[in-house]
C-alpha atoms as a PDB file:
ATOM      1  CA  MET A   1      94.410 -40.070-106.239  1.00  0.00           C
ATOM      2  CA  ASN A   2      95.032 -39.934-102.500  1.00  0.00           C
ATOM      3  CA  GLY A   3      91.444 -39.075-101.546  1.00  0.00           C
ATOM      4  CA  LEU A   4      92.519 -36.298 -99.202  1.00  0.00           C
ATOM      5  CA  GLY A   5      92.580 -33.450-101.693  1.00  0.00           C
ATOM      6  CA  PRO A   6      94.896 -30.443-101.571  1.00  0.00           C
ATOM      7  CA  ARG A   7      95.547 -28.485 -98.393  1.00  0.00           C
ATOM      8  CA  ALA A   8      95.923 -24.714 -98.412  1.00  0.00           C
ATOM      9  CA  VAL A   9      99.041 -23.656 -96.519  1.00  0.00           C
ATOM     10  CA  LEU A  10     100.777 -20.342 -95.847  1.00  0.00           C
ATOM     11  CA  VAL A  11     104.273 -20.018 -97.283  1.00  0.00           C
ATOM     12  CA  PRO A  12     106.654 -17.110 -96.572  1.00  0.00           C
ATOM     13  CA  ASP A  13     108.804 -15.588 -99.291  1.00  0.00           C
ATOM     14  CA  LEU A  14     112.298 -16.803 -98.407  1.00  0.00           C
ATOM     15  CA  GLY A  15     113.943 -15.075-101.365  1.00  0.00           C
ATOM     16  CA  ASP A  16     116.465 -17.192-103.232  1.00  0.00           C
ATOM     17  CA  ASP A  17     117.287 -19.420-100.272  1.00  0.00           C
ATOM     18  CA  LEU A  18     114.545 -21.957-100.766  1.00  0.00           C
ATOM     19  CA  ALA A  19     115.022 -22.120-104.539  1.00  0.00           C
ATOM     20  CA  VAL A  20     118.723 -22.876-104.155  1.00  0.00           C
ATOM     21  CA  ALA A  21     117.995 -25.677-101.700  1.00  0.00           C
ATOM     22  CA  ILE A  22     115.276 -27.215-103.880  1.00  0.00           C
ATOM     23  CA  GLY A  23     117.610 -27.197-106.871  1.00  0.00           C
ATOM     24  CA  ALA A  24     120.270 -29.006-104.840  1.00  0.00           C
ATOM     25  CA  LEU A  25     117.742 -31.517-103.563  1.00  0.00           C
ATOM     26  CA  GLU A  26     116.556 -32.238-107.069  1.00  0.00           C
ATOM     27  CA  ARG A  27     120.136 -32.909-108.181  1.00  0.00           C
ATOM     28  CA  LEU A  28     120.598 -35.265-105.229  1.00  0.00           C
ATOM     29  CA  PHE A  29     117.416 -37.200-106.034  1.00  0.00           C
ATOM     30  CA  LEU A  30     118.452 -37.408-109.689  1.00  0.00           C
ATOM     31  CA  ALA A  31     121.837 -38.831-108.636  1.00  0.00           C
ATOM     32  CA  LEU A  32     120.062 -41.408-106.491  1.00  0.00           C
ATOM     33  CA  ARG A  33     117.760 -42.350-109.369  1.00  0.00           C
ATOM     34  CA  SER A  34     120.828 -42.839-111.581  1.00  0.00           C
ATOM     35  CA  ALA A  35     122.461 -44.996-108.913  1.00  0.00           C
ATOM     36  CA  GLU A  36     119.304 -47.108-108.690  1.00  0.00           C
ATOM     37  CA  GLU A  37     119.304 -47.565-112.443  1.00  0.00           C
ATOM     38  CA  ASP A  38     122.895 -48.813-112.107  1.00  0.00           C
ATOM     39  CA  GLY A  39     121.809 -51.431-109.586  1.00  0.00           C
ATOM     40  CA  ALA A  40     121.838 -49.678-106.209  1.00  0.00           C
ATOM     41  CA  THR A  41     119.099 -50.555-103.734  1.00  0.00           C
ATOM     42  CA  LEU A  42     117.291 -47.616-102.174  1.00  0.00           C
ATOM     43  CA  ALA A  43     114.768 -47.463 -99.375  1.00  0.00           C
ATOM     44  CA  PRO A  44     111.331 -45.985-100.077  1.00  0.00           C
ATOM     45  CA  PRO A  45     110.464 -43.253-100.856  1.00  0.00           C
ATOM     46  CA  LEU A  46     113.881 -42.652-102.402  1.00  0.00           C
ATOM     47  CA  ALA A  47     113.329 -45.761-104.567  1.00  0.00           C
ATOM     48  CA  GLY A  48     111.539 -45.447-107.882  1.00  0.00           C
ATOM     49  CA  GLY A  49     111.837 -41.695-108.048  1.00  0.00           C
ATOM     50  CA  ALA A  50     108.935 -41.160-105.632  1.00  0.00           C
ATOM     51  CA  ALA A  51     110.699 -38.479-103.614  1.00  0.00           C
ATOM     52  CA  LEU A  52     111.869 -36.728-106.773  1.00  0.00           C
ATOM     53  CA  ALA A  53     108.345 -36.608-108.201  1.00  0.00           C
ATOM     54  CA  ALA A  54     106.911 -35.301-104.911  1.00  0.00           C
ATOM     55  CA  LEU A  55     109.595 -32.608-104.666  1.00  0.00           C
ATOM     56  CA  ARG A  56     108.923 -31.429-108.208  1.00  0.00           C
ATOM     57  CA  ARG A  57     105.174 -31.199-107.648  1.00  0.00           C
ATOM     58  CA  LEU A  58     105.607 -29.310-104.405  1.00  0.00           C
ATOM     59  CA  TRP A  59     108.094 -26.884-105.948  1.00  0.00           C
ATOM     60  CA  ARG A  60     105.788 -26.179-108.883  1.00  0.00           C
ATOM     61  CA  ALA A  61     103.155 -25.139-106.349  1.00  0.00           C
ATOM     62  CA  VAL A  62     105.472 -23.088-104.150  1.00  0.00           C
ATOM     63  CA  ALA A  63     107.878 -21.534-106.719  1.00  0.00           C
ATOM     64  CA  PRO A  64     105.666 -18.577-107.703  1.00  0.00           C
ATOM     65  CA  THR A  65     105.725 -17.398-104.072  1.00  0.00           C
ATOM     66  CA  GLN A  66     109.499 -17.198-103.850  1.00  0.00           C
ATOM     67  CA  GLY A  67     111.559 -14.133-104.794  1.00  0.00           C
ATOM     68  CA  ARG A  68     112.014 -13.895-108.554  1.00  0.00           C
ATOM     69  CA  HIS A  69     111.256 -17.538-109.311  1.00  0.00           C
ATOM     70  CA  GLY A  70     107.969 -17.327-111.084  1.00  0.00           C
ATOM     71  CA  PRO A  71     105.224 -15.065-112.350  1.00  0.00           C
ATOM     72  CA  PRO A  72     104.264 -12.087-110.187  1.00  0.00           C
ATOM     73  CA  PRO A  73     102.559 -13.444-107.036  1.00  0.00           C
ATOM     74  CA  ALA A  74      99.562 -12.060-105.230  1.00  0.00           C
ATOM     75  CA  GLY A  75      99.450  -8.476-104.039  1.00  0.00           C
ATOM     76  CA  ARG A  76     101.651  -6.921-101.398  1.00  0.00           C
ATOM     77  CA  LEU A  77     101.099  -7.208 -97.673  1.00  0.00           C
ATOM     78  CA  TYR A  78     101.164  -4.218 -95.312  1.00  0.00           C
ATOM     79  CA  ALA A  79     101.056  -3.737 -91.565  1.00  0.00           C
ATOM     80  CA  HIS A  80      98.204  -1.858 -89.877  1.00  0.00           C
ATOM     81  CA  GLY A  81      98.144   1.716 -91.115  1.00  0.00           C
ATOM     82  CA  GLY A  82      99.611   0.879 -94.517  1.00  0.00           C
ATOM     83  CA  ARG A  83     103.269   0.546 -93.582  1.00  0.00           C
ATOM     84  CA  PRO A  84     105.735  -1.027 -93.423  1.00  0.00           C
ATOM     85  CA  GLU A  85     105.448  -3.491 -96.274  1.00  0.00           C
ATOM     86  CA  LEU A  86     105.677  -6.985 -94.745  1.00  0.00           C
ATOM     87  CA  VAL A  87     107.382 -10.127 -95.972  1.00  0.00           C
ATOM     88  CA  PRO A  88     104.717 -11.780 -98.115  1.00  0.00           C
ATOM     89  CA  LEU A  89     102.840 -14.839 -96.966  1.00  0.00           C
ATOM     90  CA  ARG A  90     101.082 -16.644 -99.813  1.00  0.00           C
ATOM     91  CA  LEU A  91      98.393 -19.267 -99.909  1.00  0.00           C
ATOM     92  CA  VAL A  92      99.514 -22.411-101.700  1.00  0.00           C
ATOM     93  CA  ASP A  93      97.597 -25.644-102.357  1.00  0.00           C
ATOM     94  CA  VAL A  94      99.765 -28.717-101.747  1.00  0.00           C
ATOM     95  CA  ASP A  95      99.104 -32.433-101.693  1.00  0.00           C
ATOM     96  CA  PRO A  96      99.510 -33.790 -98.121  1.00  0.00           C
ATOM     97  CA  VAL A  97     100.716 -37.081 -99.589  1.00  0.00           C
ATOM     98  CA  ASP A  98     103.571 -35.304-101.364  1.00  0.00           C
ATOM     99  CA  VAL A  99     104.458 -33.512 -98.138  1.00  0.00           C
ATOM    100  CA  ALA A 100     104.502 -36.806 -96.248  1.00  0.00           C
ATOM    101  CA  THR A 101     106.600 -38.394 -98.994  1.00  0.00           C
ATOM    102  CA  LEU A 102     109.198 -35.637 -98.763  1.00  0.00           C
ATOM    103  CA  SER A 103     109.237 -35.897 -94.980  1.00  0.00           C
ATOM    104  CA  ALA A 104     109.846 -39.645 -95.224  1.00  0.00           C
ATOM    105  CA  ALA A 105     112.571 -38.971 -97.807  1.00  0.00           C
ATOM    106  CA  ALA A 106     114.316 -36.614 -95.367  1.00  0.00           C
ATOM    107  CA  ALA A 107     114.274 -39.371 -92.751  1.00  0.00           C
ATOM    108  CA  ALA A 108     115.655 -41.873 -95.279  1.00  0.00           C
ATOM    109  CA  LEU A 109     118.412 -39.436 -96.239  1.00  0.00           C
ATOM    110  CA  GLY A 110     119.298 -38.983 -92.602  1.00  0.00           C
ATOM    111  CA  ARG A 111     119.592 -42.741 -92.090  1.00  0.00           C
ATOM    112  CA  GLY A 112     121.573 -43.141 -95.267  1.00  0.00           C
ATOM    113  CA  ALA A 113     123.995 -40.377 -94.295  1.00  0.00           C
ATOM    114  CA  ASN A 114     125.113 -42.559 -91.392  1.00  0.00           C
ATOM    115  CA  GLY A 115     125.649 -45.623 -93.524  1.00  0.00           C
ATOM    116  CA  ALA A 116     128.057 -46.597 -96.282  1.00  0.00           C
ATOM    117  CA  GLY A 117     125.674 -47.028 -99.204  1.00  0.00           C
ATOM    118  CA  PRO A 118     124.518 -45.004-102.195  1.00  0.00           C
ATOM    119  CA  VAL A 119     122.773 -42.310-100.162  1.00  0.00           C
ATOM    120  CA  ARG A 120     125.942 -41.379 -98.270  1.00  0.00           C
ATOM    121  CA  ARG A 121     127.972 -41.396-101.485  1.00  0.00           C
ATOM    122  CA  ALA A 122     125.410 -39.170-103.229  1.00  0.00           C
ATOM    123  CA  LEU A 123     125.384 -36.754-100.286  1.00  0.00           C
ATOM    124  CA  GLU A 124     129.177 -36.585-100.217  1.00  0.00           C
ATOM    125  CA  GLU A 125     129.316 -35.928-103.943  1.00  0.00           C
ATOM    126  CA  SER A 126     126.481 -33.421-104.010  1.00  0.00           C
ATOM    127  CA  GLY A 127     128.655 -30.370-103.285  1.00  0.00           C
ATOM    128  CA  GLY A 128     126.973 -27.122-104.260  1.00  0.00           C
ATOM    129  CA  ASP A 129     125.090 -24.825-101.947  1.00  0.00           C
ATOM    130  CA  PRO A 130     123.873 -26.198 -99.578  1.00  0.00           C
ATOM    131  CA  PRO A 131     126.384 -29.081 -99.536  1.00  0.00           C
ATOM    132  CA  GLY A 132     126.253 -32.622 -98.270  1.00  0.00           C
ATOM    133  CA  THR A 133     124.145 -33.433 -95.264  1.00  0.00           C
ATOM    134  CA  ASP A 134     122.655 -29.926 -95.223  1.00  0.00           C
ATOM    135  CA  LEU A 135     120.348 -31.386 -97.835  1.00  0.00           C
ATOM    136  CA  VAL A 136     118.818 -33.650 -95.172  1.00  0.00           C
ATOM    137  CA  VAL A 137     117.957 -30.526 -93.192  1.00  0.00           C
ATOM    138  CA  ALA A 138     116.625 -28.845 -96.335  1.00  0.00           C
ATOM    139  CA  ALA A 139     114.298 -31.744 -97.129  1.00  0.00           C
ATOM    140  CA  ALA A 140     113.013 -31.849 -93.550  1.00  0.00           C
ATOM    141  CA  GLY A 141     112.635 -28.085 -93.402  1.00  0.00           C
ATOM    142  CA  PHE A 142     110.718 -27.823 -96.686  1.00  0.00           C
ATOM    143  CA  SER A 143     108.306 -30.611 -95.747  1.00  0.00           C
ATOM    144  CA  GLY A 144     107.910 -29.134 -92.239  1.00  0.00           C
ATOM    145  CA  LEU A 145     107.161 -25.714 -93.698  1.00  0.00           C
ATOM    146  CA  LEU A 146     104.275 -27.226 -95.665  1.00  0.00           C
ATOM    147  CA  ASP A 147     102.995 -29.383 -92.795  1.00  0.00           C
ATOM    148  CA  LEU A 148     102.737 -26.860 -89.978  1.00  0.00           C
ATOM    149  CA  ALA A 149      99.633 -27.386 -87.870  1.00  0.00           C
ATOM    150  CA  ASP A 150      96.960 -24.679 -88.011  1.00  0.00           C
ATOM    151  CA  THR A 151      96.548 -22.261 -85.127  1.00  0.00           C
ATOM    152  CA  GLY A 152      93.914 -19.627 -84.476  1.00  0.00           C
ATOM    153  CA  GLU A 153      96.370 -17.023 -85.788  1.00  0.00           C
ATOM    154  CA  SER A 154      97.162 -18.844 -89.021  1.00  0.00           C
ATOM    155  CA  ILE A 155      93.427 -19.416 -89.691  1.00  0.00           C
ATOM    156  CA  VAL A 156      92.689 -15.707 -89.205  1.00  0.00           C
ATOM    157  CA  LEU A 157      95.468 -14.815 -91.613  1.00  0.00           C
ATOM    158  CA  ARG A 158      94.573 -17.428 -94.186  1.00  0.00           C
ATOM    159  CA  GLU A 159      90.948 -16.317 -94.236  1.00  0.00           C
ATOM    160  CA  ARG A 160      91.995 -12.683 -94.713  1.00  0.00           C
ATOM    161  CA  LEU A 161      94.266 -13.484 -97.642  1.00  0.00           C
ATOM    162  CA  ALA A 162      91.723 -15.841 -99.223  1.00  0.00           C
ATOM    163  CA  ALA A 163      89.017 -13.172 -98.977  1.00  0.00           C
ATOM    164  CA  ALA A 164      91.246 -10.574-100.644  1.00  0.00           C
ATOM    165  CA  GLY A 165      92.011 -12.860-103.580  1.00  0.00           C
ATOM    166  CA  PRO A 166      95.070 -12.945-105.835  1.00  0.00           C
ATOM    167  CA  GLY A 167      96.662  -9.732-107.071  1.00  0.00           C
ATOM    168  CA  VAL A 168      95.181  -7.542-104.335  1.00  0.00           C
ATOM    169  CA  ASP A 169      97.265  -5.523-101.870  1.00  0.00           C
ATOM    170  CA  VAL A 170      96.246  -6.269 -98.276  1.00  0.00           C
ATOM    171  CA  VAL A 171      96.495  -3.953 -95.256  1.00  0.00           C
ATOM    172  CA  LEU A 172      96.147  -5.945 -92.070  1.00  0.00           C
ATOM    173  CA  SER A 173      94.086  -4.927 -89.087  1.00  0.00           C
ATOM    174  CA  PRO A 174      95.851  -4.876 -85.683  1.00  0.00           C
ATOM    175  CA  VAL A 175      94.476  -8.321 -84.868  1.00  0.00           C
ATOM    176  CA  GLN A 176      95.505  -9.652 -88.270  1.00  0.00           C
ATOM    177  CA  GLU A 177      98.973  -8.128 -87.953  1.00  0.00           C
ATOM    178  CA  SER A 178      99.441  -9.857 -84.606  1.00  0.00           C
ATOM    179  CA  ALA A 179      98.346 -13.109 -86.224  1.00  0.00           C
ATOM    180  CA  TYR A 180     100.769 -12.478 -89.066  1.00  0.00           C
ATOM    181  CA  ARG A 181     103.754 -11.979 -86.754  1.00  0.00           C
ATOM    182  CA  ALA A 182     102.970 -15.099 -84.716  1.00  0.00           C
ATOM    183  CA  THR A 183     102.563 -17.163 -87.871  1.00  0.00           C
ATOM    184  CA  VAL A 184     105.758 -15.895 -89.472  1.00  0.00           C
ATOM    185  CA  GLU A 185     107.710 -16.812 -86.326  1.00  0.00           C
ATOM    186  CA  ARG A 186     106.407 -20.378 -86.529  1.00  0.00           C
ATOM    187  CA  LEU A 187     107.029 -20.693 -90.254  1.00  0.00           C
ATOM    188  CA  THR A 188     110.534 -19.304 -90.268  1.00  0.00           C
ATOM    189  CA  ALA A 189     111.460 -21.556 -87.366  1.00  0.00           C
ATOM    190  CA  MET A 190     111.007 -24.417 -89.840  1.00  0.00           C
ATOM    191  CA  TRP A 191     113.481 -22.778 -92.245  1.00  0.00           C
ATOM    192  CA  PRO A 192     116.249 -21.287 -90.086  1.00  0.00           C
ATOM    193  CA  ALA A 193     118.850 -21.001 -92.832  1.00  0.00           C
ATOM    194  CA  ARG A 194     117.702 -17.494 -93.606  1.00  0.00           C
ATOM    195  CA  ARG A 195     114.959 -15.551 -91.919  1.00  0.00           C
ATOM    196  CA  PRO A 196     113.061 -13.468 -94.486  1.00  0.00           C
ATOM    197  CA  GLY A 197     114.020  -9.828 -94.733  1.00  0.00           C
ATOM    198  CA  PRO A 198     112.039  -6.901 -96.118  1.00  0.00           C
ATOM    199  CA  PRO A 199     110.726  -7.411 -99.651  1.00  0.00           C
ATOM    200  CA  PRO A 200     112.905  -6.021-102.473  1.00  0.00           C
ATOM    201  CA  PRO A 201     111.819  -2.940-104.417  1.00  0.00           C
ATOM    202  CA  SER A 202     109.109  -3.751-106.907  1.00  0.00           C
ATOM    203  CA  GLY A 203     109.802  -3.782-110.610  1.00  0.00           C
ATOM    204  CA  GLY A 204     112.734  -6.198-110.692  1.00  0.00           C
ATOM    205  CA  GLY A 205     113.030  -8.924-113.289  1.00  0.00           C
ATOM    206  CA  ARG A 206     112.004 -12.499-112.683  1.00  0.00           C
ATOM    207  CA  ARG A 207     113.674 -15.674-113.752  1.00  0.00           C
ATOM    208  CA  SER A 208     112.710 -19.316-114.033  1.00  0.00           C
ATOM    209  CA  PRO A 209     112.522 -21.539-110.948  1.00  0.00           C
ATOM    210  CA  ALA A 210     115.621 -23.420-109.930  1.00  0.00           C
ATOM    211  CA  GLY A 211     115.411 -27.149-110.437  1.00  0.00           C
ATOM    212  CA  SER A 212     112.544 -26.993-112.919  1.00  0.00           C
END
């Protein structure tokens, strides 16, 4: 146990974009674990599968908030007056130690990308979408998304969503809507690959998380 306990964070629904990146990161970490088993030396936290384990725990927590990658999430979110429907923000409990581990892994990947060792080879061979060194950005972006410092706006919004509880549609007050928009701007700045668009029509099917 880390002694800190979980931290409740706000996570935007980024559609399929985040799931694709997490799946690619998991494949990269698996390739590095295989290289280590074959005798390669890795820097912590890439060594010993620590980054892989942290990524998997974080994704298990976040996956239900993303697009079609889990069971139906909490209720819908609406602007003041009941429309339009807003891109969902969900409350997720994450372990700060796992977030720090993934952040350190992103830094280790960045250093390795500039070397000639197993990390660079794994990045070059990763292919897929996103390819190569984009995975360094993905690891840093995912950890940054979960480690954003609280502001007055994010606290207002988190308290509103927590008070509503899971499965309840929420209509924001003008003050809460302003807090929502400020918070979304900060969150999506951490994940610039795709800014979230309007939510899809309800009733679509759901499939299993990528990389699980």
